[in-house]
Amino acid sequence: MKKRKGISFEEKRSRLLSIFTTDPSFYHIKEIEKLAHKKGIHPMIVKEVLDSLIADYLVDMEKVGASSYYLALPSKTYLGKQQNLKKYILNIE
């Protein structure tokens, strides 16, 4: 029996980001875990992948009361990529 090869962290990031880009809405962490499981991402790693997307300015997190909601608008994705490009250019110079 062959052992299955897992998906890379970058592939997990792109799959998780695709959840946000298909429907520009806000999600609770439990909803994201369910949708990510359908995309092949284990629910235990979702928080770590989500934190990396937040750090790269691709996803926003808003705290409402005791709950945290996550959203990524198409314009936010564009601005996040633009911000990463600026960081990259400044590190070269």
Protein backbone atom coordinates (compact mmCIF):
# COMPACT_ATOMS: atom_id res chain seq x y z
CA MET A 1 0.00 0.00 0.00
CA LYS A 2 1.44 3.37 -1.03
CA LYS A 3 1.66 6.17 1.44
CA ARG A 4 -0.16 9.33 0.36
CA LYS A 5 1.94 12.42 -0.08
CA GLY A 6 0.61 15.51 1.71
CA ILE A 7 0.10 18.87 0.10
CA SER A 8 2.59 21.66 0.59
CA PHE A 9 2.00 24.69 2.79
CA GLU A 10 1.81 26.96 -0.26
CA GLU A 11 -0.84 24.72 -1.80
CA LYS A 12 -2.82 24.86 1.45
CA ARG A 13 -2.58 28.66 1.39
CA SER A 14 -3.87 28.88 -2.18
CA ARG A 15 -6.72 26.45 -1.47
CA LEU A 16 -7.73 28.36 1.65
CA LEU A 17 -7.55 31.68 -0.18
CA SER A 18 -9.77 30.26 -2.92
CA ILE A 19 -12.51 29.79 -0.30
CA PHE A 20 -12.53 33.54 0.26
CA THR A 21 -12.30 34.50 -3.40
CA THR A 22 -15.22 32.35 -4.55
CA ASP A 23 -17.66 34.07 -2.21
CA PRO A 24 -16.64 37.51 -0.86
CA SER A 25 -18.36 37.10 2.49
CA PHE A 26 -17.23 36.85 6.10
CA TYR A 27 -16.68 33.52 7.83
CA HIS A 28 -16.34 32.22 11.36
CA ILE A 29 -13.42 29.88 12.06
CA LYS A 30 -15.69 26.82 12.28
CA GLU A 31 -17.15 27.54 8.84
CA ILE A 32 -13.65 27.92 7.40
CA GLU A 33 -12.58 24.60 8.93
CA LYS A 34 -15.55 22.81 7.33
CA LEU A 35 -14.92 24.36 3.91
CA ALA A 36 -11.18 23.70 4.14
CA HIS A 37 -11.80 20.05 4.98
CA LYS A 38 -13.75 19.75 1.72
CA LYS A 39 -10.73 21.22 -0.09
CA GLY A 40 -8.36 18.65 1.46
CA ILE A 41 -6.91 20.69 4.33
CA HIS A 42 -6.94 19.13 7.78
CA PRO A 43 -8.94 21.28 10.24
CA MET A 44 -6.07 21.28 12.77
CA ILE A 45 -3.78 23.22 10.40
CA VAL A 46 -6.36 25.76 9.22
CA LYS A 47 -5.57 28.30 11.96
CA GLU A 48 -1.86 28.28 11.13
CA VAL A 49 -2.49 28.72 7.40
CA LEU A 50 -5.05 31.44 8.12
CA ASP A 51 -2.55 33.30 10.31
CA SER A 52 -0.01 33.28 7.48
CA LEU A 53 -2.62 34.73 5.10
CA ILE A 54 -3.40 37.46 7.63
CA ALA A 55 0.31 38.23 8.01
CA ASP A 56 0.62 38.65 4.23
CA TYR A 57 -2.36 41.06 4.14
CA LEU A 58 -4.47 38.68 2.02
CA VAL A 59 -7.20 38.07 4.64
CA ASP A 60 -8.65 40.39 7.28
CA MET A 61 -9.72 39.39 10.77
CA GLU A 62 -12.32 41.43 12.61
CA LYS A 63 -13.17 40.89 16.26
CA VAL A 64 -16.86 41.35 17.07
CA GLY A 65 -17.51 40.76 20.73
CA ALA A 66 -16.00 37.39 21.60
CA SER A 67 -16.11 36.12 18.00
CA SER A 68 -13.55 36.54 15.24
CA TYR A 69 -14.67 36.87 11.65
CA TYR A 70 -12.46 36.48 8.60
CA LEU A 71 -12.97 38.06 5.20
CA ALA A 72 -11.03 38.74 2.02
CA LEU A 73 -12.41 41.07 -0.60
CA PRO A 74 -10.96 40.93 -4.14
CA SER A 75 -9.50 44.41 -3.73
CA LYS A 76 -7.82 43.30 -0.49
CA THR A 77 -6.05 40.48 -2.33
CA TYR A 78 -4.73 42.96 -4.89
CA LEU A 79 -3.56 45.39 -2.19
CA GLY A 80 -1.93 42.56 -0.24
CA LYS A 81 0.07 41.45 -3.24
CA GLN A 82 1.05 45.07 -3.89
CA GLN A 83 2.20 45.41 -0.25
CA ASN A 84 4.31 42.24 -0.51
CA LEU A 85 5.92 43.56 -3.68
CA LYS A 86 6.85 46.81 -1.91
CA LYS A 87 8.45 44.84 0.95
CA TYR A 88 10.40 42.77 -1.54
CA ILE A 89 11.67 45.81 -3.43
CA LEU A 90 12.71 47.58 -0.21
CA ASN A 91 14.65 44.50 0.94
CA ILE A 92 16.60 44.41 -2.34
CA GLU A 93 17.71 48.03 -2.17
